[in-house]
Amino acid sequence: MTKSEIRNKYIELRNQLTLGEAEDLSIDIANQTLKLPIWNFSNYHLFLSIANKKEINTEFILHILTGKDKNTILSKSNFKDGTMEHFLLTDNTILKVNSYGIPEPINGFKIAETDIEVVFVPLLAFDKSGNRVGYGKGFYDRFLSLCSPNTIKVGLSFFEAEEQITEISENDIPLDYCVTPKGVYKF
């Protein structure tokens, strides 16, 4: 399937979930992340969910990170140039929902991409080779290209893998893992 076909399919599947189903699946995904061999690092990048798009509720993963005394890093998107800035989440961090519905830090201590060891990556769908389809703006591919080659990329998905995504470009950065409510894929 093409990226466009996959994008449309998974937006529709996500829209069919009730809020209760999405919440239960988000809890299952958070529990599955505990099976990953990633918990000996310090700096974890986490996306905050866009509520009106029924994205995975990452609040449960945030609780795990906090409970394990990990540094959580959040991004602020620049829609003019397609880049993101990254900030350490602290008790003093102020979050504001931007015009796209994304909760973002408005202040804080900046973190370089090369200091981030694990990135939880949002997506609409992924395939059995670790390729992913997002909303198509390229924010995460640009961000991941600036990270260390050793940075671990973990996708989070309500749904299981597609067999193959076509139209993969040289700018597309594959995942190392993807976590679903039923388990963990390793690539």
Protein backbone atom coordinates (compact mmCIF):
# COMPACT_ATOMS: atom_id res chain seq x y z
CA MET A 1 0.00 0.00 0.00
CA THR A 2 1.11 3.57 -0.62
CA LYS A 3 1.67 5.98 2.24
CA SER A 4 -1.44 7.94 1.28
CA GLU A 5 -3.62 4.79 1.25
CA ILE A 6 -2.20 3.67 4.59
CA ARG A 7 -2.63 7.13 6.11
CA ASN A 8 -6.32 7.21 5.11
CA LYS A 9 -6.93 3.63 6.29
CA TYR A 10 -5.43 4.14 9.75
CA ILE A 11 -6.97 7.55 10.36
CA GLU A 12 -10.34 5.90 9.71
CA LEU A 13 -9.52 2.90 11.95
CA ARG A 14 -8.41 5.23 14.73
CA ASN A 15 -11.59 7.30 14.37
CA GLN A 16 -13.65 4.14 14.83
CA LEU A 17 -12.17 3.58 18.30
CA THR A 18 -14.24 4.79 21.22
CA LEU A 19 -12.46 6.99 23.75
CA GLY A 20 -12.63 4.11 26.23
CA GLU A 21 -11.08 1.68 23.74
CA ALA A 22 -8.28 4.13 22.91
CA GLU A 23 -7.57 4.59 26.62
CA ASP A 24 -7.50 0.83 27.29
CA LEU A 25 -5.22 0.21 24.30
CA SER A 26 -2.93 3.04 25.48
CA ILE A 27 -2.58 1.34 28.87
CA ASP A 28 -1.80 -1.97 27.14
CA ILE A 29 0.89 -0.26 25.03
CA ALA A 30 2.46 1.35 28.10
CA ASN A 31 2.58 -2.05 29.82
CA GLN A 32 4.18 -3.62 26.73
CA THR A 33 6.94 -0.96 26.75
CA LEU A 34 8.16 -2.51 30.00
CA LYS A 35 9.31 -5.53 27.94
CA LEU A 36 11.72 -3.38 25.91
CA PRO A 37 15.48 -3.51 26.65
CA ILE A 38 15.64 0.29 26.89
CA TRP A 39 15.35 1.08 30.57
CA ASN A 40 19.06 1.53 31.39
CA PHE A 41 19.26 4.94 29.65
CA SER A 42 18.65 8.41 31.08
CA ASN A 43 17.17 10.67 28.36
CA TYR A 44 13.82 9.73 26.79
CA HIS A 45 11.94 11.80 24.23
CA LEU A 46 8.16 11.48 24.47
CA PHE A 47 5.42 12.99 22.34
CA LEU A 48 2.31 14.31 24.03
CA SER A 49 -0.95 13.19 22.46
CA ILE A 50 -3.25 15.21 20.25
CA ALA A 51 -6.55 14.45 21.96
CA ASN A 52 -8.85 15.21 19.01
CA LYS A 53 -6.90 12.82 16.73
CA LYS A 54 -7.33 9.88 19.15
CA GLU A 55 -3.58 9.42 19.42
CA ILE A 56 -2.11 6.98 21.91
CA ASN A 57 -2.33 8.50 25.36
CA THR A 58 1.32 8.72 26.35
CA GLU A 59 0.49 9.86 29.88
CA PHE A 60 0.86 6.23 30.99
CA ILE A 61 4.40 6.03 29.54
CA LEU A 62 5.16 9.36 31.20
CA HIS A 63 4.21 7.79 34.55
CA ILE A 64 6.60 4.90 33.86
CA LEU A 65 9.43 7.31 33.00
CA THR A 66 8.76 9.34 36.14
CA GLY A 67 8.58 6.20 38.29
CA LYS A 68 11.91 5.03 36.90
CA ASP A 69 13.43 8.50 37.56
CA LYS A 70 14.22 9.11 33.87
CA ASN A 71 14.67 12.46 32.12
CA THR A 72 11.67 13.12 29.89
CA ILE A 73 12.17 15.42 26.92
CA LEU A 74 9.29 17.09 25.07
CA SER A 75 9.30 18.92 21.74
CA LYS A 76 8.01 22.20 20.46
CA SER A 77 7.29 22.27 16.71
CA ASN A 78 8.10 25.10 14.33
CA PHE A 79 5.58 24.75 11.51
CA LYS A 80 7.30 27.44 9.42
CA ASP A 81 10.50 25.45 8.89
CA GLY A 82 9.45 21.92 9.95
CA THR A 83 11.89 21.69 12.87
CA MET A 84 11.48 20.90 16.54
CA GLU A 85 13.16 22.19 19.70
CA HIS A 86 13.47 19.84 22.66
CA PHE A 87 13.04 20.68 26.33
CA LEU A 88 13.56 18.78 29.57
CA LEU A 89 10.25 18.25 31.37
CA THR A 90 10.49 19.55 34.95
CA ASP A 91 8.04 20.58 37.66
CA ASN A 92 8.38 24.14 36.33
CA THR A 93 7.66 23.34 32.68
CA ILE A 94 4.61 25.14 31.37
CA LEU A 95 2.67 23.32 28.65
CA LYS A 96 0.38 24.98 26.13
CA VAL A 97 -1.71 23.39 23.38
CA ASN A 98 -0.71 24.88 20.02
CA SER A 99 -3.06 25.65 17.13
CA TYR A 100 -2.68 22.06 15.84
CA GLY A 101 -3.81 20.60 19.18
CA ILE A 102 -0.31 19.52 20.25
CA PRO A 103 0.60 20.10 23.93
CA GLU A 104 4.06 21.69 23.95
CA PRO A 105 6.46 23.20 26.47
CA ILE A 106 6.66 26.98 26.19
CA ASN A 107 9.84 27.23 28.22
CA GLY A 108 12.53 25.14 29.81
CA PHE A 109 16.02 23.75 29.55
CA LYS A 110 16.89 22.92 25.92
CA ILE A 111 18.25 19.46 25.13
CA ALA A 112 20.33 18.67 22.02
CA GLU A 113 19.12 15.89 19.74
CA THR A 114 22.44 14.09 20.22
CA ASP A 115 21.77 13.83 23.97
CA ILE A 116 18.50 11.94 23.48
CA GLU A 117 18.97 8.19 23.91
CA VAL A 118 15.45 6.83 23.31
CA VAL A 119 12.67 8.37 21.21
CA PHE A 120 9.05 7.25 21.42
CA VAL A 121 7.81 7.95 17.89
CA PRO A 122 4.20 8.75 16.96
CA LEU A 123 2.80 7.09 13.85
CA LEU A 124 -0.35 6.08 12.06
CA ALA A 125 0.97 2.75 10.79
CA PHE A 126 4.16 0.71 10.37
CA ASP A 127 5.32 -2.33 8.45
CA LYS A 128 7.22 -5.51 9.26
CA SER A 129 10.51 -3.85 8.24
CA GLY A 130 10.18 -0.97 10.70
CA ASN A 131 9.06 1.66 8.20
CA ARG A 132 6.43 4.07 9.49
CA VAL A 133 3.75 6.39 8.19
CA GLY A 134 2.95 9.56 10.12
CA TYR A 135 0.91 12.59 9.15
CA GLY A 136 3.28 13.36 6.27
CA LYS A 137 4.96 16.56 7.43
CA GLY A 138 8.38 14.95 8.05
CA PHE A 139 8.95 16.44 11.52
CA TYR A 140 10.14 13.18 13.07
CA ASP A 141 12.32 12.11 10.14
CA ARG A 142 14.13 15.47 10.28
CA PHE A 143 14.43 15.21 14.08
CA LEU A 144 15.66 11.60 14.05
CA SER A 145 18.25 12.40 11.39
CA LEU A 146 19.86 14.80 13.91
CA CYS A 147 19.97 12.24 16.73
CA SER A 148 22.93 9.98 17.44
CA PRO A 149 23.08 6.83 15.27
CA ASN A 150 22.75 4.90 18.56
CA THR A 151 19.46 6.57 19.53
CA ILE A 152 16.76 3.91 19.92
CA LYS A 153 13.58 4.65 17.97
CA VAL A 154 10.40 3.11 19.42
CA GLY A 155 7.13 3.45 17.52
CA LEU A 156 3.80 3.24 19.33
CA SER A 157 0.79 1.83 17.47
CA PHE A 158 -2.78 0.84 18.28
CA PHE A 159 -2.65 -1.58 15.34
CA GLU A 160 -0.44 -4.44 14.16
CA ALA A 161 2.09 -4.19 11.31
CA GLU A 162 1.26 -3.86 7.64
CA GLU A 163 3.14 -6.31 5.44
CA GLN A 164 4.93 -3.59 3.47
CA ILE A 165 4.77 0.18 3.00
CA THR A 166 5.73 1.27 -0.48
CA GLU A 167 7.15 4.68 -1.43
CA ILE A 168 9.90 4.58 1.21
CA SER A 169 12.37 7.42 0.60
CA GLU A 170 15.99 7.89 1.63
CA ASN A 171 14.81 10.48 4.20
CA ASP A 172 12.54 7.99 5.99
CA ILE A 173 14.15 6.80 9.22
CA PRO A 174 13.09 3.26 10.23
CA LEU A 175 12.18 2.21 13.75
CA ASP A 176 14.18 -0.12 15.99
CA TYR A 177 11.04 -1.33 17.79
CA CYS A 178 7.31 -0.83 17.60
CA VAL A 179 5.00 -1.46 20.53
CA THR A 180 1.35 -2.44 20.07
CA PRO A 181 -1.25 -3.50 22.65
CA LYS A 182 -0.39 -7.14 21.85
CA GLY A 183 3.39 -7.05 21.92
CA VAL A 184 6.72 -5.70 20.70
CA TYR A 185 8.15 -5.82 17.18
CA LYS A 186 11.96 -5.71 16.86
CA PHE A 187 13.54 -4.64 13.57
